[in-house]
C-alpha atoms as a PDB file:
ATOM      1  CA  MET A   1      22.581  14.333  -3.359  1.00  0.00           C
ATOM      2  CA  PRO A   2      21.896  10.539  -3.077  1.00  0.00           C
ATOM      3  CA  ARG A   3      18.318  11.320  -2.011  1.00  0.00           C
ATOM      4  CA  VAL A   4      17.799  13.589  -5.021  1.00  0.00           C
ATOM      5  CA  LEU A   5      19.167  10.922  -7.361  1.00  0.00           C
ATOM      6  CA  LEU A   6      16.917   8.288  -5.785  1.00  0.00           C
ATOM      7  CA  ALA A   7      13.858  10.520  -6.191  1.00  0.00           C
ATOM      8  CA  LEU A   8      14.737  11.285  -9.813  1.00  0.00           C
ATOM      9  CA  ALA A   9      15.275   7.581 -10.532  1.00  0.00           C
ATOM     10  CA  ALA A  10      11.879   6.713  -9.014  1.00  0.00           C
ATOM     11  CA  LEU A  11      10.120   9.365 -11.089  1.00  0.00           C
ATOM     12  CA  ALA A  12      11.963   8.242 -14.222  1.00  0.00           C
ATOM     13  CA  PHE A  13      10.895   4.611 -13.796  1.00  0.00           C
ATOM     14  CA  LEU A  14       7.349   5.757 -12.990  1.00  0.00           C
ATOM     15  CA  ALA A  15       7.190   7.939 -16.139  1.00  0.00           C
ATOM     16  CA  TYR A  16       8.671   5.127 -18.229  1.00  0.00           C
ATOM     17  CA  GLY A  17       6.028   2.715 -16.978  1.00  0.00           C
ATOM     18  CA  LEU A  18       3.242   5.092 -17.986  1.00  0.00           C
ATOM     19  CA  ALA A  19       4.780   6.025 -21.338  1.00  0.00           C
ATOM     20  CA  ARG A  20       5.549   2.441 -22.323  1.00  0.00           C
ATOM     21  CA  ASN A  21       1.845   1.612 -22.355  1.00  0.00           C
ATOM     22  CA  GLY A  22       0.657   5.094 -23.299  1.00  0.00           C
ATOM     23  CA  THR A  23      -1.473   4.024 -26.273  1.00  0.00           C
ATOM     24  CA  GLU A  24      -3.238   1.271 -24.353  1.00  0.00           C
ATOM     25  CA  THR A  25      -3.739   3.568 -21.369  1.00  0.00           C
ATOM     26  CA  TRP A  26      -5.408   6.312 -23.369  1.00  0.00           C
ATOM     27  CA  ALA A  27      -7.588   3.790 -25.200  1.00  0.00           C
ATOM     28  CA  ALA A  28      -8.703   2.391 -21.856  1.00  0.00           C
ATOM     29  CA  LEU A  29      -9.413   5.834 -20.411  1.00  0.00           C
ATOM     30  CA  GLU A  30     -11.557   6.736 -23.408  1.00  0.00           C
ATOM     31  CA  ARG A  31     -13.883   3.820 -22.679  1.00  0.00           C
ATOM     32  CA  LEU A  32     -14.761   5.152 -19.217  1.00  0.00           C
ATOM     33  CA  SER A  33     -16.867   8.132 -18.201  1.00  0.00           C
ATOM     34  CA  TRP A  34     -15.414  11.102 -16.343  1.00  0.00           C
ATOM     35  CA  TRP A  35     -17.567  10.378 -13.297  1.00  0.00           C
ATOM     36  CA  SER A  36     -16.191   6.865 -12.944  1.00  0.00           C
ATOM     37  CA  LEU A  37     -12.607   8.092 -13.332  1.00  0.00           C
ATOM     38  CA  GLY A  38     -13.156  10.913 -10.835  1.00  0.00           C
ATOM     39  CA  VAL A  39     -14.796   8.707  -8.208  1.00  0.00           C
ATOM     40  CA  SER A  40     -12.103   6.068  -8.666  1.00  0.00           C
ATOM     41  CA  PHE A  41      -9.263   8.556  -8.206  1.00  0.00           C
ATOM     42  CA  LEU A  42     -10.819  10.157  -5.124  1.00  0.00           C
ATOM     43  CA  ALA A  43     -11.400   6.716  -3.602  1.00  0.00           C
ATOM     44  CA  VAL A  44      -7.735   5.793  -4.075  1.00  0.00           C
ATOM     45  CA  LEU A  45      -6.636   9.070  -2.461  1.00  0.00           C
ATOM     46  CA  ALA A  46      -8.936   8.418   0.510  1.00  0.00           C
ATOM     47  CA  GLY A  47      -7.790   4.811   0.842  1.00  0.00           C
ATOM     48  CA  LEU A  48      -4.153   5.891   0.927  1.00  0.00           C
ATOM     49  CA  ALA A  49      -5.017   8.393   3.671  1.00  0.00           C
ATOM     50  CA  PHE A  50      -6.396   5.556   5.827  1.00  0.00           C
ATOM     51  CA  MET A  51      -3.223   3.557   5.202  1.00  0.00           C
ATOM     52  CA  LEU A  52      -1.164   6.571   6.276  1.00  0.00           C
ATOM     53  CA  VAL A  53      -2.971   6.779   9.624  1.00  0.00           C
ATOM     54  CA  ALA A  54      -2.481   3.026  10.178  1.00  0.00           C
ATOM     55  CA  TRP A  55       1.262   3.225   9.447  1.00  0.00           C
ATOM     56  CA  ARG A  56       1.651   6.271  11.684  1.00  0.00           C
ATOM     57  CA  ASP A  57      -0.111   4.453  14.546  1.00  0.00           C
ATOM     58  CA  ILE A  58       2.248   1.479  14.220  1.00  0.00           C
ATOM     59  CA  LEU A  59       5.298   3.741  14.200  1.00  0.00           C
ATOM     60  CA  ALA A  60       3.974   5.520  17.310  1.00  0.00           C
ATOM     61  CA  GLY A  61       3.505   2.139  18.962  1.00  0.00           C
ATOM     62  CA  LEU A  62       7.169   1.437  18.285  1.00  0.00           C
ATOM     63  CA  GLY A  63       8.077   4.636  20.120  1.00  0.00           C
ATOM     64  CA  SER A  64       8.357   7.269  17.366  1.00  0.00           C
ATOM     65  CA  PRO A  65       5.171   9.306  16.989  1.00  0.00           C
ATOM     66  CA  LEU A  66       5.302  11.679  14.022  1.00  0.00           C
ATOM     67  CA  PRO A  67       3.059  14.626  13.170  1.00  0.00           C
ATOM     68  CA  LEU A  68       0.605  13.560  10.474  1.00  0.00           C
ATOM     69  CA  ARG A  69       2.065  15.856   7.819  1.00  0.00           C
ATOM     70  CA  VAL A  70       5.577  14.574   8.517  1.00  0.00           C
ATOM     71  CA  ALA A  71       4.337  10.982   8.386  1.00  0.00           C
ATOM     72  CA  ALA A  72       2.760  11.768   4.994  1.00  0.00           C
ATOM     73  CA  ARG A  73       6.093  13.006   3.679  1.00  0.00           C
ATOM     74  CA  VAL A  74       8.012  10.002   4.979  1.00  0.00           C
ATOM     75  CA  LEU A  75       5.514   7.415   3.755  1.00  0.00           C
ATOM     76  CA  PHE A  76       4.487   8.764   0.375  1.00  0.00           C
ATOM     77  CA  VAL A  77       7.732  10.338  -0.807  1.00  0.00           C
ATOM     78  CA  GLY A  78       9.576   7.232   0.343  1.00  0.00           C
ATOM     79  CA  GLN A  79       7.079   4.919  -1.340  1.00  0.00           C
ATOM     80  CA  LEU A  80       8.007   6.284  -4.751  1.00  0.00           C
ATOM     81  CA  GLY A  81      11.011   3.986  -4.372  1.00  0.00           C
ATOM     82  CA  LYS A  82       8.754   1.001  -5.071  1.00  0.00           C
ATOM     83  CA  TYR A  83       8.769   1.933  -8.761  1.00  0.00           C
ATOM     84  CA  ILE A  84      12.512   1.260  -8.937  1.00  0.00           C
ATOM     85  CA  PRO A  85      13.360  -2.402  -9.657  1.00  0.00           C
ATOM     86  CA  GLY A  86      14.329  -4.120  -6.418  1.00  0.00           C
ATOM     87  CA  ALA A  87      12.473  -4.573  -3.155  1.00  0.00           C
ATOM     88  CA  VAL A  88      14.587  -2.360  -0.898  1.00  0.00           C
ATOM     89  CA  TRP A  89      14.405   1.164  -2.297  1.00  0.00           C
ATOM     90  CA  ALA A  90      11.148   2.213  -0.659  1.00  0.00           C
ATOM     91  CA  PHE A  91      12.320   0.881   2.713  1.00  0.00           C
ATOM     92  CA  ALA A  92      15.653   2.674   2.403  1.00  0.00           C
ATOM     93  CA  ALA A  93      14.098   5.983   1.369  1.00  0.00           C
ATOM     94  CA  MET A  94      11.550   5.918   4.181  1.00  0.00           C
ATOM     95  CA  MET A  95      14.192   5.113   6.796  1.00  0.00           C
ATOM     96  CA  GLU A  96      16.313   8.054   5.656  1.00  0.00           C
ATOM     97  CA  LEU A  97      13.391  10.484   5.582  1.00  0.00           C
ATOM     98  CA  ALA A  98      12.143   9.384   9.009  1.00  0.00           C
ATOM     99  CA  ARG A  99      15.634   9.684  10.476  1.00  0.00           C
ATOM    100  CA  ASP A 100      15.457  13.425   9.748  1.00  0.00           C
ATOM    101  CA  HIS A 101      12.566  13.665  12.202  1.00  0.00           C
ATOM    102  CA  GLY A 102      13.974  11.588  15.032  1.00  0.00           C
ATOM    103  CA  ALA A 103      12.693   8.124  14.117  1.00  0.00           C
ATOM    104  CA  PRO A 104      15.526   5.531  14.215  1.00  0.00           C
ATOM    105  CA  PRO A 105      15.782   3.401  11.053  1.00  0.00           C
ATOM    106  CA  ARG A 106      14.968   0.204  12.969  1.00  0.00           C
ATOM    107  CA  ARG A 107      11.576   1.630  13.995  1.00  0.00           C
ATOM    108  CA  THR A 108      10.749   2.837  10.493  1.00  0.00           C
ATOM    109  CA  PHE A 109      11.717  -0.560   9.117  1.00  0.00           C
ATOM    110  CA  GLY A 110       9.585  -2.277  11.748  1.00  0.00           C
ATOM    111  CA  ALA A 111       6.562  -0.038  11.152  1.00  0.00           C
ATOM    112  CA  THR A 112       6.768  -0.487   7.380  1.00  0.00           C
ATOM    113  CA  ALA A 113       7.139  -4.259   7.635  1.00  0.00           C
ATOM    114  CA  LEU A 114       4.260  -4.506  10.100  1.00  0.00           C
ATOM    115  CA  GLY A 115       2.112  -2.203   7.982  1.00  0.00           C
ATOM    116  CA  LEU A 116       2.733  -4.380   4.936  1.00  0.00           C
ATOM    117  CA  VAL A 117       1.885  -7.601   6.787  1.00  0.00           C
ATOM    118  CA  THR A 118      -1.238  -6.018   8.320  1.00  0.00           C
ATOM    119  CA  SER A 119      -2.359  -4.804   4.903  1.00  0.00           C
ATOM    120  CA  LEU A 120      -1.785  -8.244   3.402  1.00  0.00           C
ATOM    121  CA  GLY A 121      -3.815  -9.864   6.175  1.00  0.00           C
ATOM    122  CA  CYS A 122      -6.704  -7.415   5.700  1.00  0.00           C
ATOM    123  CA  ALA A 123      -6.617  -7.837   1.922  1.00  0.00           C
ATOM    124  CA  LEU A 124      -6.728 -11.629   2.178  1.00  0.00           C
ATOM    125  CA  ALA A 125      -9.531 -11.468   4.743  1.00  0.00           C
ATOM    126  CA  LEU A 126     -11.517  -9.232   2.376  1.00  0.00           C
ATOM    127  CA  THR A 127     -10.830 -11.644  -0.470  1.00  0.00           C
ATOM    128  CA  ALA A 128     -12.128 -14.559   1.609  1.00  0.00           C
ATOM    129  CA  ALA A 129     -15.252 -12.614   2.592  1.00  0.00           C
ATOM    130  CA  THR A 130     -16.176 -11.431  -0.900  1.00  0.00           C
ATOM    131  CA  LEU A 131     -14.983 -13.992  -3.448  1.00  0.00           C
ATOM    132  CA  SER A 132     -16.153 -17.582  -3.612  1.00  0.00           C
ATOM    133  CA  GLY A 133     -16.343 -20.477  -6.021  1.00  0.00           C
ATOM    134  CA  GLN A 134     -13.544 -20.945  -8.514  1.00  0.00           C
ATOM    135  CA  ILE A 135     -11.555 -17.854  -7.475  1.00  0.00           C
ATOM    136  CA  ALA A 136     -11.465 -18.861  -3.820  1.00  0.00           C
ATOM    137  CA  ARG A 137     -10.512 -22.423  -4.718  1.00  0.00           C
ATOM    138  CA  GLU A 138      -7.654 -21.273  -6.944  1.00  0.00           C
ATOM    139  CA  ALA A 139      -6.420 -18.824  -4.311  1.00  0.00           C
ATOM    140  CA  TRP A 140      -6.628 -21.167  -1.320  1.00  0.00           C
ATOM    141  CA  TRP A 141      -2.881 -20.924  -0.765  1.00  0.00           C
ATOM    142  CA  LEU A 142      -3.243 -17.145  -0.319  1.00  0.00           C
ATOM    143  CA  LEU A 143      -6.205 -17.458   2.024  1.00  0.00           C
ATOM    144  CA  ALA A 144      -4.282 -19.998   4.105  1.00  0.00           C
ATOM    145  CA  LEU A 145      -1.906 -17.171   5.035  1.00  0.00           C
ATOM    146  CA  VAL A 146      -4.609 -15.304   6.995  1.00  0.00           C
ATOM    147  CA  PRO A 147      -4.357 -17.322  10.255  1.00  0.00           C
ATOM    148  CA  LEU A 148      -0.556 -17.255  10.015  1.00  0.00           C
ATOM    149  CA  ILE A 149      -0.633 -13.463   9.694  1.00  0.00           C
ATOM    150  CA  LEU A 150      -2.987 -13.147  12.667  1.00  0.00           C
ATOM    151  CA  VAL A 151      -0.588 -15.186  14.801  1.00  0.00           C
ATOM    152  CA  GLY A 152       2.331 -13.142  13.506  1.00  0.00           C
ATOM    153  CA  LEU A 153       0.720  -9.882  14.659  1.00  0.00           C
ATOM    154  CA  HIS A 154       0.713 -10.964  18.317  1.00  0.00           C
ATOM    155  CA  PRO A 155       3.088  -8.617  20.215  1.00  0.00           C
ATOM    156  CA  ARG A 156       5.400 -11.412  21.406  1.00  0.00           C
ATOM    157  CA  VAL A 157       5.654 -12.940  17.939  1.00  0.00           C
ATOM    158  CA  LEU A 158       6.147  -9.460  16.519  1.00  0.00           C
ATOM    159  CA  ALA A 159       9.070  -8.779  18.829  1.00  0.00           C
ATOM    160  CA  TRP A 160      10.781 -12.053  17.960  1.00  0.00           C
ATOM    161  CA  GLY A 161      10.277 -11.718  14.190  1.00  0.00           C
ATOM    162  CA  LEU A 162      11.284  -8.084  13.876  1.00  0.00           C
ATOM    163  CA  ASN A 163      14.350  -8.463  16.070  1.00  0.00           C
ATOM    164  CA  LEU A 164      15.422 -11.507  14.068  1.00  0.00           C
ATOM    165  CA  ALA A 165      15.163  -9.493  10.840  1.00  0.00           C
ATOM    166  CA  LEU A 166      17.074  -6.606  12.408  1.00  0.00           C
ATOM    167  CA  ARG A 167      19.770  -8.973  13.662  1.00  0.00           C
ATOM    168  CA  VAL A 168      20.197 -10.351  10.148  1.00  0.00           C
ATOM    169  CA  ALA A 169      20.452  -6.767   8.857  1.00  0.00           C
ATOM    170  CA  ARG A 170      22.987  -6.008  11.632  1.00  0.00           C
ATOM    171  CA  ARG A 171      20.755  -3.371  13.195  1.00  0.00           C
ATOM    172  CA  ASP A 172      20.045  -2.690  16.845  1.00  0.00           C
ATOM    173  CA  PRO A 173      17.004  -4.567  18.221  1.00  0.00           C
ATOM    174  CA  LEU A 174      13.747  -2.778  18.954  1.00  0.00           C
ATOM    175  CA  ASP A 175      13.350  -1.390  22.448  1.00  0.00           C
ATOM    176  CA  ARG A 176       9.568  -1.766  22.334  1.00  0.00           C
ATOM    177  CA  VAL A 177       6.844  -3.215  20.104  1.00  0.00           C
ATOM    178  CA  PRO A 178       3.271  -2.089  19.466  1.00  0.00           C
ATOM    179  CA  SER A 179       0.707  -3.335  21.973  1.00  0.00           C
ATOM    180  CA  GLY A 180      -2.295  -5.417  21.035  1.00  0.00           C
ATOM    181  CA  ALA A 181      -4.421  -2.254  21.161  1.00  0.00           C
ATOM    182  CA  ASP A 182      -1.983  -0.477  18.802  1.00  0.00           C
ATOM    183  CA  MET A 183      -2.171  -3.276  16.257  1.00  0.00           C
ATOM    184  CA  THR A 184      -5.955  -3.588  16.537  1.00  0.00           C
ATOM    185  CA  ARG A 185      -6.332   0.119  15.866  1.00  0.00           C
ATOM    186  CA  ALA A 186      -3.926  -0.058  12.916  1.00  0.00           C
ATOM    187  CA  ALA A 187      -5.764  -3.083  11.504  1.00  0.00           C
ATOM    188  CA  ALA A 188      -9.078  -1.204  11.741  1.00  0.00           C
ATOM    189  CA  TRP A 189      -7.677   1.764   9.806  1.00  0.00           C
ATOM    190  CA  THR A 190      -6.138  -0.614   7.273  1.00  0.00           C
ATOM    191  CA  MET A 191      -9.384  -2.486   6.691  1.00  0.00           C
ATOM    192  CA  ALA A 192     -11.179   0.836   6.279  1.00  0.00           C
ATOM    193  CA  GLY A 193      -8.623   1.675   3.611  1.00  0.00           C
ATOM    194  CA  TRP A 194      -9.270  -1.596   1.809  1.00  0.00           C
ATOM    195  CA  LEU A 195     -13.027  -1.032   1.843  1.00  0.00           C
ATOM    196  CA  VAL A 196     -12.470   2.373   0.239  1.00  0.00           C
ATOM    197  CA  TYR A 197     -10.100   0.837  -2.313  1.00  0.00           C
ATOM    198  CA  GLY A 198     -13.030  -1.364  -3.265  1.00  0.00           C
ATOM    199  CA  VAL A 199     -14.975   1.762  -4.238  1.00  0.00           C
ATOM    200  CA  HIS A 200     -12.292   2.711  -6.773  1.00  0.00           C
ATOM    201  CA  LEU A 201     -12.701  -0.577  -8.661  1.00  0.00           C
ATOM    202  CA  TRP A 202     -16.492  -0.550  -8.260  1.00  0.00           C
ATOM    203  CA  ALA A 203     -16.580   2.843 -10.017  1.00  0.00           C
ATOM    204  CA  LEU A 204     -14.455   1.556 -12.901  1.00  0.00           C
ATOM    205  CA  VAL A 205     -16.442  -1.660 -13.314  1.00  0.00           C
ATOM    206  CA  GLY A 206     -19.684   0.332 -13.114  1.00  0.00           C
ATOM    207  CA  GLY A 207     -18.421   2.547 -15.933  1.00  0.00           C
ATOM    208  CA  LEU A 208     -18.346  -0.464 -18.273  1.00  0.00           C
ATOM    209  CA  ARG A 209     -21.193  -2.519 -16.858  1.00  0.00           C
ATOM    210  CA  PRO A 210     -24.222  -0.732 -15.405  1.00  0.00           C
ATOM    211  CA  GLY A 211     -24.964  -1.998 -11.949  1.00  0.00           C
ATOM    212  CA  GLY A 212     -25.360  -0.997  -8.348  1.00  0.00           C
ATOM    213  CA  VAL A 213     -24.026  -1.856  -4.962  1.00  0.00           C
ATOM    214  CA  SER A 214     -24.213  -5.571  -5.804  1.00  0.00           C
ATOM    215  CA  LEU A 215     -21.042  -5.163  -7.865  1.00  0.00           C
ATOM    216  CA  TYR A 216     -19.109  -3.701  -4.963  1.00  0.00           C
ATOM    217  CA  ALA A 217     -18.308  -6.954  -3.136  1.00  0.00           C
ATOM    218  CA  ILE A 218     -16.779  -8.608  -6.188  1.00  0.00           C
ATOM    219  CA  ALA A 219     -14.893  -5.443  -7.135  1.00  0.00           C
ATOM    220  CA  ALA A 220     -13.461  -5.030  -3.615  1.00  0.00           C
ATOM    221  CA  GLY A 221     -12.440  -8.676  -3.445  1.00  0.00           C
ATOM    222  CA  ALA A 222     -10.965  -8.577  -6.942  1.00  0.00           C
ATOM    223  CA  TYR A 223      -8.644  -5.717  -6.130  1.00  0.00           C
ATOM    224  CA  ALA A 224      -7.671  -7.236  -2.776  1.00  0.00           C
ATOM    225  CA  LEU A 225      -6.806 -10.529  -4.491  1.00  0.00           C
ATOM    226  CA  ALA A 226      -4.890  -8.781  -7.274  1.00  0.00           C
ATOM    227  CA  TRP A 227      -2.864  -6.659  -4.853  1.00  0.00           C
ATOM    228  CA  SER A 228      -2.060  -9.645  -2.630  1.00  0.00           C
ATOM    229  CA  THR A 229      -0.818 -11.617  -5.616  1.00  0.00           C
ATOM    230  CA  GLY A 230       1.274  -8.699  -6.826  1.00  0.00           C
ATOM    231  CA  ILE A 231       2.808  -7.867  -3.445  1.00  0.00           C
ATOM    232  CA  LEU A 232       3.979 -11.445  -3.006  1.00  0.00           C
ATOM    233  CA  THR A 233       5.825 -11.219  -6.331  1.00  0.00           C
ATOM    234  CA  VAL A 234       8.695  -9.183  -4.954  1.00  0.00           C
ATOM    235  CA  VAL A 235      10.876  -9.378  -8.065  1.00  0.00           C
ATOM    236  CA  VAL A 236       8.493  -7.138 -10.048  1.00  0.00           C
ATOM    237  CA  PRO A 237       8.471  -3.370  -9.330  1.00  0.00           C
ATOM    238  CA  ALA A 238       5.182  -2.578  -7.521  1.00  0.00           C
ATOM    239  CA  GLY A 239       3.716  -5.874  -8.781  1.00  0.00           C
ATOM    240  CA  ILE A 240       3.426  -4.502 -12.328  1.00  0.00           C
ATOM    241  CA  GLY A 241       1.822  -7.026 -14.681  1.00  0.00           C
ATOM    242  CA  VAL A 242       1.141  -9.627 -11.998  1.00  0.00           C
ATOM    243  CA  ARG A 243      -1.563  -7.528 -10.333  1.00  0.00           C
ATOM    244  CA  GLU A 244      -3.277  -6.825 -13.645  1.00  0.00           C
ATOM    245  CA  GLY A 245      -3.363 -10.502 -14.612  1.00  0.00           C
ATOM    246  CA  ALA A 246      -4.870 -11.533 -11.291  1.00  0.00           C
ATOM    247  CA  MET A 247      -7.458  -8.769 -11.534  1.00  0.00           C
ATOM    248  CA  VAL A 248      -8.581  -9.919 -14.984  1.00  0.00           C
ATOM    249  CA  VAL A 249      -9.145 -13.418 -13.614  1.00  0.00           C
ATOM    250  CA  ALA A 250     -11.004 -12.126 -10.552  1.00  0.00           C
ATOM    251  CA  LEU A 251     -13.293  -9.920 -12.657  1.00  0.00           C
ATOM    252  CA  ALA A 252     -14.231 -12.753 -15.015  1.00  0.00           C
ATOM    253  CA  PRO A 253     -17.737 -13.134 -13.469  1.00  0.00           C
ATOM    254  CA  LEU A 254     -18.461  -9.487 -14.317  1.00  0.00           C
ATOM    255  CA  LEU A 255     -16.546  -8.546 -17.459  1.00  0.00           C
ATOM    256  CA  ASP A 256     -15.133 -10.117 -20.597  1.00  0.00           C
ATOM    257  CA  THR A 257     -11.366 -10.182 -20.898  1.00  0.00           C
ATOM    258  CA  PRO A 258     -10.945  -6.965 -22.965  1.00  0.00           C
ATOM    259  CA  SER A 259     -13.137  -4.996 -20.547  1.00  0.00           C
ATOM    260  CA  ALA A 260     -11.373  -6.452 -17.526  1.00  0.00           C
ATOM    261  CA  LEU A 261      -8.032  -5.448 -19.034  1.00  0.00           C
ATOM    262  CA  VAL A 262      -9.334  -1.893 -19.406  1.00  0.00           C
ATOM    263  CA  VAL A 263     -10.266  -1.813 -15.729  1.00  0.00           C
ATOM    264  CA  ALA A 264      -6.908  -3.307 -14.687  1.00  0.00           C
ATOM    265  CA  VAL A 265      -4.909  -0.774 -16.706  1.00  0.00           C
ATOM    266  CA  VAL A 266      -6.916   2.209 -15.464  1.00  0.00           C
ATOM    267  CA  SER A 267      -6.713   0.964 -11.876  1.00  0.00           C
ATOM    268  CA  ARG A 268      -2.928   0.931 -12.162  1.00  0.00           C
ATOM    269  CA  VAL A 269      -2.977   4.483 -13.546  1.00  0.00           C
ATOM    270  CA  MET A 270      -5.236   5.681 -10.708  1.00  0.00           C
ATOM    271  CA  PHE A 271      -2.844   4.349  -8.074  1.00  0.00           C
ATOM    272  CA  THR A 272       0.202   5.752  -9.855  1.00  0.00           C
ATOM    273  CA  LEU A 273      -1.357   9.221 -10.071  1.00  0.00           C
ATOM    274  CA  ALA A 274      -2.492   8.988  -6.442  1.00  0.00           C
ATOM    275  CA  ASP A 275       1.017   7.986  -5.332  1.00  0.00           C
ATOM    276  CA  VAL A 276       2.454  11.050  -7.069  1.00  0.00           C
ATOM    277  CA  THR A 277      -0.305  13.304  -5.718  1.00  0.00           C
ATOM    278  CA  TRP A 278       0.200  12.192  -2.122  1.00  0.00           C
ATOM    279  CA  ALA A 279       3.994  12.417  -2.478  1.00  0.00           C
ATOM    280  CA  GLY A 280       3.601  16.001  -3.627  1.00  0.00           C
ATOM    281  CA  LEU A 281       1.173  16.798  -0.821  1.00  0.00           C
ATOM    282  CA  GLY A 282       3.432  15.177   1.751  1.00  0.00           C
ATOM    283  CA  PHE A 283       6.421  17.156   0.518  1.00  0.00           C
ATOM    284  CA  LEU A 284       4.515  20.444   0.654  1.00  0.00           C
ATOM    285  CA  LEU A 285       2.821  19.798   3.993  1.00  0.00           C
ATOM    286  CA  ALA A 286       6.092  18.989   5.750  1.00  0.00           C
ATOM    287  CA  ARG A 287       8.024  21.951   4.391  1.00  0.00           C
ATOM    288  CA  GLY A 288       9.308  24.100   7.199  1.00  0.00           C
ATOM    289  CA  VAL A 289       9.068  21.327   9.818  1.00  0.00           C
ATOM    290  CA  ARG A 290      12.437  21.205  11.512  1.00  0.00           C
ATOM    291  CA  ALA A 291      14.479  18.039  11.622  1.00  0.00           C
ATOM    292  CA  GLU A 292      15.002  16.465  15.036  1.00  0.00           C
ATOM    293  CA  ALA A 293      17.715  14.376  16.612  1.00  0.00           C
ATOM    294  CA  PRO A 294      17.026  10.636  16.804  1.00  0.00           C
ATOM    295  CA  GLY A 295      16.321  10.757  20.525  1.00  0.00           C
ATOM    296  CA  ASP A 296      13.865  13.668  20.505  1.00  0.00           C
ATOM    297  CA  LEU A 297      10.703  11.757  19.661  1.00  0.00           C
ATOM    298  CA  SER A 298      11.523   8.910  22.010  1.00  0.00           C
ATOM    299  CA  ALA A 299      11.920  11.350  24.889  1.00  0.00           C
ATOM    300  CA  ARG A 300       8.457  12.715  24.294  1.00  0.00           C
ATOM    301  CA  THR A 301       6.861   9.344  24.927  1.00  0.00           C
ATOM    302  CA  GLN A 302       8.551   8.723  28.258  1.00  0.00           C
END
């Protein structure tokens, strides 16, 4: 019953967020062509698939490999918790769902934390590579995090940091951490996901301002910067409002403020719909997969 209530609460907050700005959302959608909306949505779905593979690889490196369809259920159904105010609901939901398939909560927590840090590092690296001038100067404090994140992803630093967090949470320490090869592979999948995310914003910007591939770099960097700003604002559910404001600033070289707001609003809608779509797919794909005891998956890797 608590899981059902949590899922219903997540969907209620998600629906409220869409309905609250329903008029503005529809007005924004009407300004864009169907091709740009379709390409944008498909790009978000594909980008989330890359992120799923990266998260699954990290969890396997921690000692709990999951079948891809089970990983999809754990990640995407659990991630609906991010729409509930508070920073812990998605973590809690994912740990409970993964426990059903033999992954101890400490490993799910570790994989999710590492996946988030890896994604932040890739997003900031993409921002540094694609945006320059005033945007880069104003965001220097974000870009300064890149070398710190790279150091933090070293296996020895990983072990110390994760076990410290688990000790504070009064959880058992990790019995293993991902190797350098595991994290390199996960970072590659994550960066691939970010490059595909760039396509979603490129399609939306192209729907308001005709252009070609030259717009892609700025669009990819703009979304990476906006997401990074939003994710670091942990008091706001899913970075709502913060991400949009940062995106408007980042798109200033391409679009006027009203047009940039249109793109920011539609981008949010695309990700919300993609989150729901993948959650539904994950739920359906994992139906019929039997639950396993916490030790089952660990035994397979030995």
